[in-house]
Amino acid sequence: AKLWFIGGLVYRDVPDAEATAFKVIEARAAAKLKNPTRTEVGYVHYARRPKYFGLVRDGDWVVECVRDSDGRRVIEAPAQVLGQDDYDRKSGKRRYVLMLEKMKSFQKMPLSRFRGRVGKRLPQLDRPSPRTRPILSDEDADAILRMWNESGRLSRKR
């Protein structure tokens, strides 16, 4: 897939007790940034390895659906995968991290607006809580990617 839709996320930082291990991974990802003046390292982390980790590749695009502090779901601008990593959480468990290259400033789109724009084309994403899935069609992936312009602002085009 050229694009992955990642649903079910909540804004959470890596726990403070794991900060040292995470900083090493973050530094490696920062060295891979293609445009460090306009982009920064972003990440998605999990306590268990998600099934999609075996399928996503470096360079794939990701669109995240995140629940914000008000409880509303928003869609973040597309980000590009820099890599996957994991580290020991000092409890015998591992933390799995998907490292992303994100725009430093971008506009979020309310899920309701996103659903209105993709509903006919991708009915599986036209749900109150869409699930993680690859967008297999290049045409569908391009339509989603075009919802934002190169600077991360929402495009006026439909």
C-alpha atoms as a PDB file:
ATOM      1  CA  ALA A   1       0.000   0.000   0.000  1.00  0.00           C
ATOM      2  CA  LYS A   2       1.124   3.540  -0.725  1.00  0.00           C
ATOM      3  CA  LEU A   3      -0.993   4.946   2.131  1.00  0.00           C
ATOM      4  CA  TRP A   4      -2.076   3.632   5.514  1.00  0.00           C
ATOM      5  CA  PHE A   5      -5.010   4.962   7.485  1.00  0.00           C
ATOM      6  CA  ILE A   6      -4.270   4.516  11.198  1.00  0.00           C
ATOM      7  CA  GLY A   7      -7.295   4.771  13.472  1.00  0.00           C
ATOM      8  CA  GLY A   8      -7.955   4.452  17.172  1.00  0.00           C
ATOM      9  CA  LEU A   9      -5.135   6.731  18.329  1.00  0.00           C
ATOM     10  CA  VAL A  10      -5.072   9.022  21.371  1.00  0.00           C
ATOM     11  CA  TYR A  11      -2.479  11.742  21.987  1.00  0.00           C
ATOM     12  CA  ARG A  12      -0.008  10.253  24.487  1.00  0.00           C
ATOM     13  CA  ASP A  13       3.685  10.784  24.976  1.00  0.00           C
ATOM     14  CA  VAL A  14       6.108   7.978  25.641  1.00  0.00           C
ATOM     15  CA  PRO A  15       6.234   7.463  29.454  1.00  0.00           C
ATOM     16  CA  ASP A  16       8.990   9.403  31.249  1.00  0.00           C
ATOM     17  CA  ALA A  17      10.565   6.179  32.506  1.00  0.00           C
ATOM     18  CA  GLU A  18      11.210   5.190  28.872  1.00  0.00           C
ATOM     19  CA  ALA A  19      12.446   8.581  27.666  1.00  0.00           C
ATOM     20  CA  THR A  20      16.129   7.635  27.479  1.00  0.00           C
ATOM     21  CA  ALA A  21      15.528   4.584  25.288  1.00  0.00           C
ATOM     22  CA  PHE A  22      13.101   6.520  23.103  1.00  0.00           C
ATOM     23  CA  LYS A  23      15.528   9.450  22.584  1.00  0.00           C
ATOM     24  CA  VAL A  24      18.010   7.063  20.899  1.00  0.00           C
ATOM     25  CA  ILE A  25      15.346   5.926  18.422  1.00  0.00           C
ATOM     26  CA  GLU A  26      14.182   9.504  17.877  1.00  0.00           C
ATOM     27  CA  ALA A  27      17.741  10.659  17.080  1.00  0.00           C
ATOM     28  CA  ARG A  28      18.153   7.893  14.497  1.00  0.00           C
ATOM     29  CA  ALA A  29      14.875   8.939  12.880  1.00  0.00           C
ATOM     30  CA  ALA A  30      15.868  12.628  12.901  1.00  0.00           C
ATOM     31  CA  ALA A  31      18.955  11.759  10.853  1.00  0.00           C
ATOM     32  CA  LYS A  32      16.629  10.369   8.148  1.00  0.00           C
ATOM     33  CA  LEU A  33      14.522  13.533   7.724  1.00  0.00           C
ATOM     34  CA  LYS A  34      14.434  14.581   4.070  1.00  0.00           C
ATOM     35  CA  ASN A  35      13.467  18.192   4.778  1.00  0.00           C
ATOM     36  CA  PRO A  36      14.458  19.089   8.369  1.00  0.00           C
ATOM     37  CA  THR A  37      13.612  22.776   7.946  1.00  0.00           C
ATOM     38  CA  ARG A  38       9.929  22.048   7.240  1.00  0.00           C
ATOM     39  CA  THR A  39       9.469  18.666   8.904  1.00  0.00           C
ATOM     40  CA  GLU A  40      10.051  16.993  12.252  1.00  0.00           C
ATOM     41  CA  VAL A  41      10.028  13.527  13.746  1.00  0.00           C
ATOM     42  CA  GLY A  42       6.647  12.229  14.801  1.00  0.00           C
ATOM     43  CA  TYR A  43       5.716   8.844  16.134  1.00  0.00           C
ATOM     44  CA  VAL A  44       2.991   6.397  17.015  1.00  0.00           C
ATOM     45  CA  HIS A  45       3.743   3.984  19.844  1.00  0.00           C
ATOM     46  CA  TYR A  46       2.160   0.784  21.083  1.00  0.00           C
ATOM     47  CA  ALA A  47       2.575  -1.510  24.088  1.00  0.00           C
ATOM     48  CA  ARG A  48       1.986  -4.513  21.782  1.00  0.00           C
ATOM     49  CA  ARG A  49       3.186  -5.001  18.223  1.00  0.00           C
ATOM     50  CA  PRO A  50       0.280  -4.141  15.884  1.00  0.00           C
ATOM     51  CA  LYS A  51      -0.495  -6.534  13.044  1.00  0.00           C
ATOM     52  CA  TYR A  52       0.057  -3.873  10.393  1.00  0.00           C
ATOM     53  CA  PHE A  53       3.717  -3.390  11.451  1.00  0.00           C
ATOM     54  CA  GLY A  54       4.701  -6.368   9.337  1.00  0.00           C
ATOM     55  CA  LEU A  55       3.207  -4.741   6.243  1.00  0.00           C
ATOM     56  CA  VAL A  56       4.082  -1.045   6.445  1.00  0.00           C
ATOM     57  CA  ARG A  57       7.342  -0.019   4.727  1.00  0.00           C
ATOM     58  CA  ASP A  58       9.706   2.899   5.013  1.00  0.00           C
ATOM     59  CA  GLY A  59       8.499   5.629   2.665  1.00  0.00           C
ATOM     60  CA  ASP A  60       4.813   4.681   2.900  1.00  0.00           C
ATOM     61  CA  TRP A  61       2.417   7.487   3.727  1.00  0.00           C
ATOM     62  CA  VAL A  62       0.304   7.529   6.890  1.00  0.00           C
ATOM     63  CA  VAL A  63      -2.848   9.444   7.770  1.00  0.00           C
ATOM     64  CA  GLU A  64      -3.704   9.266  11.473  1.00  0.00           C
ATOM     65  CA  CYS A  65      -7.121   9.508  13.102  1.00  0.00           C
ATOM     66  CA  VAL A  66      -6.519  10.784  16.639  1.00  0.00           C
ATOM     67  CA  ARG A  67      -8.892  11.536  19.506  1.00  0.00           C
ATOM     68  CA  ASP A  68      -7.997  15.002  20.793  1.00  0.00           C
ATOM     69  CA  SER A  69      -8.287  16.265  24.373  1.00  0.00           C
ATOM     70  CA  ASP A  70     -11.926  17.296  23.780  1.00  0.00           C
ATOM     71  CA  GLY A  71     -12.830  13.752  22.751  1.00  0.00           C
ATOM     72  CA  ARG A  72     -13.281  14.673  19.092  1.00  0.00           C
ATOM     73  CA  ARG A  73     -11.568  12.665  16.380  1.00  0.00           C
ATOM     74  CA  VAL A  74      -9.369  14.574  13.952  1.00  0.00           C
ATOM     75  CA  ILE A  75      -7.379  13.536  10.903  1.00  0.00           C
ATOM     76  CA  GLU A  76      -3.794  14.723  10.809  1.00  0.00           C
ATOM     77  CA  ALA A  77      -1.986  15.699   7.617  1.00  0.00           C
ATOM     78  CA  PRO A  78      -0.131  12.912   5.823  1.00  0.00           C
ATOM     79  CA  ALA A  79       3.226  11.864   7.246  1.00  0.00           C
ATOM     80  CA  GLN A  80       5.857   9.602   5.726  1.00  0.00           C
ATOM     81  CA  VAL A  81       7.212   6.499   7.476  1.00  0.00           C
ATOM     82  CA  LEU A  82      10.871   6.799   8.489  1.00  0.00           C
ATOM     83  CA  GLY A  83      11.043   3.369  10.098  1.00  0.00           C
ATOM     84  CA  GLN A  84       9.852   1.028  12.812  1.00  0.00           C
ATOM     85  CA  ASP A  85      11.649   0.262  16.020  1.00  0.00           C
ATOM     86  CA  ASP A  86      11.172  -1.195  19.464  1.00  0.00           C
ATOM     87  CA  TYR A  87      12.928  -1.001  22.802  1.00  0.00           C
ATOM     88  CA  ASP A  88      12.926  -2.665  26.211  1.00  0.00           C
ATOM     89  CA  ARG A  89      10.557  -1.054  28.706  1.00  0.00           C
ATOM     90  CA  LYS A  90      12.574  -2.405  31.683  1.00  0.00           C
ATOM     91  CA  SER A  91       9.619  -4.590  32.650  1.00  0.00           C
ATOM     92  CA  GLY A  92      10.450  -7.471  30.365  1.00  0.00           C
ATOM     93  CA  LYS A  93       8.086  -5.968  27.788  1.00  0.00           C
ATOM     94  CA  ARG A  94       8.787  -3.980  24.645  1.00  0.00           C
ATOM     95  CA  ARG A  95       7.399  -0.742  23.227  1.00  0.00           C
ATOM     96  CA  TYR A  96       6.849  -0.646  19.454  1.00  0.00           C
ATOM     97  CA  VAL A  97       7.280   2.662  17.656  1.00  0.00           C
ATOM     98  CA  LEU A  98       6.436   3.799  14.138  1.00  0.00           C
ATOM     99  CA  MET A  99       8.647   6.806  13.344  1.00  0.00           C
ATOM    100  CA  LEU A 100       7.231   9.426  10.972  1.00  0.00           C
ATOM    101  CA  GLU A 101       8.335  12.529   9.097  1.00  0.00           C
ATOM    102  CA  LYS A 102       5.610  15.111   9.774  1.00  0.00           C
ATOM    103  CA  MET A 103       5.138  18.705   8.719  1.00  0.00           C
ATOM    104  CA  LYS A 104       6.086  21.106  11.535  1.00  0.00           C
ATOM    105  CA  SER A 105       2.843  22.983  11.071  1.00  0.00           C
ATOM    106  CA  PHE A 106      -0.226  21.462   9.540  1.00  0.00           C
ATOM    107  CA  GLN A 107      -3.984  21.685   9.713  1.00  0.00           C
ATOM    108  CA  LYS A 108      -6.080  18.927  11.206  1.00  0.00           C
ATOM    109  CA  MET A 109      -9.327  17.911   9.563  1.00  0.00           C
ATOM    110  CA  PRO A 110     -12.365  16.967  11.646  1.00  0.00           C
ATOM    111  CA  LEU A 111     -13.318  13.327  11.104  1.00  0.00           C
ATOM    112  CA  SER A 112     -16.800  14.399  10.012  1.00  0.00           C
ATOM    113  CA  ARG A 113     -15.332  16.460   7.151  1.00  0.00           C
ATOM    114  CA  PHE A 114     -12.970  13.635   6.187  1.00  0.00           C
ATOM    115  CA  ARG A 115     -15.873  11.172   6.134  1.00  0.00           C
ATOM    116  CA  GLY A 116     -17.825  13.500   3.866  1.00  0.00           C
ATOM    117  CA  ARG A 117     -14.940  13.684   1.427  1.00  0.00           C
ATOM    118  CA  VAL A 118     -14.119   9.957   1.283  1.00  0.00           C
ATOM    119  CA  GLY A 119     -17.492   8.356   2.027  1.00  0.00           C
ATOM    120  CA  LYS A 120     -18.489   7.432  -1.525  1.00  0.00           C
ATOM    121  CA  ARG A 121     -14.983   6.423  -2.583  1.00  0.00           C
ATOM    122  CA  LEU A 122     -14.008   4.502   0.583  1.00  0.00           C
ATOM    123  CA  PRO A 123     -17.111   3.505   2.583  1.00  0.00           C
ATOM    124  CA  GLN A 124     -14.957   1.484   5.028  1.00  0.00           C
ATOM    125  CA  LEU A 125     -13.527   4.816   6.290  1.00  0.00           C
ATOM    126  CA  ASP A 126     -16.969   6.447   6.528  1.00  0.00           C
ATOM    127  CA  ARG A 127     -17.493   5.337  10.146  1.00  0.00           C
ATOM    128  CA  PRO A 128     -17.574   7.114  13.501  1.00  0.00           C
ATOM    129  CA  SER A 129     -14.451   5.179  14.518  1.00  0.00           C
ATOM    130  CA  PRO A 130     -12.597   4.033  11.380  1.00  0.00           C
ATOM    131  CA  ARG A 131     -10.079   1.233  11.827  1.00  0.00           C
ATOM    132  CA  THR A 132      -6.478   0.917  10.685  1.00  0.00           C
ATOM    133  CA  ARG A 133      -6.209  -0.293   7.098  1.00  0.00           C
ATOM    134  CA  PRO A 134      -4.110   0.031   3.980  1.00  0.00           C
ATOM    135  CA  ILE A 135      -5.456   2.133   1.137  1.00  0.00           C
ATOM    136  CA  LEU A 136      -4.681  -0.281  -1.689  1.00  0.00           C
ATOM    137  CA  SER A 137      -5.723   1.775  -4.694  1.00  0.00           C
ATOM    138  CA  ASP A 138      -3.200   4.409  -5.774  1.00  0.00           C
ATOM    139  CA  GLU A 139      -6.091   6.510  -7.045  1.00  0.00           C
ATOM    140  CA  ASP A 140      -7.803   6.446  -3.627  1.00  0.00           C
ATOM    141  CA  ALA A 141      -4.502   7.112  -1.831  1.00  0.00           C
ATOM    142  CA  ASP A 142      -3.773  10.099  -4.073  1.00  0.00           C
ATOM    143  CA  ALA A 143      -7.271  11.495  -3.469  1.00  0.00           C
ATOM    144  CA  ILE A 144      -6.660  11.412   0.298  1.00  0.00           C
ATOM    145  CA  LEU A 145      -3.136  12.832   0.028  1.00  0.00           C
ATOM    146  CA  ARG A 146      -4.451  15.737  -2.087  1.00  0.00           C
ATOM    147  CA  MET A 147      -6.723  16.828   0.776  1.00  0.00           C
ATOM    148  CA  TRP A 148      -3.664  18.698   2.088  1.00  0.00           C
ATOM    149  CA  ASN A 149      -1.233  20.853   0.121  1.00  0.00           C
ATOM    150  CA  GLU A 150       2.581  20.632   0.312  1.00  0.00           C
ATOM    151  CA  SER A 151       2.733  22.922   3.333  1.00  0.00           C
ATOM    152  CA  GLY A 152       0.271  20.831   5.346  1.00  0.00           C
ATOM    153  CA  ARG A 153      -2.686  23.156   4.939  1.00  0.00           C
ATOM    154  CA  LEU A 154      -6.098  21.805   3.985  1.00  0.00           C
ATOM    155  CA  SER A 155      -6.683  21.959   0.273  1.00  0.00           C
ATOM    156  CA  ARG A 156      -9.767  23.761  -0.972  1.00  0.00           C
ATOM    157  CA  LYS A 157     -10.187  21.277  -3.819  1.00  0.00           C
ATOM    158  CA  ARG A 158     -12.697  18.484  -3.430  1.00  0.00           C
END
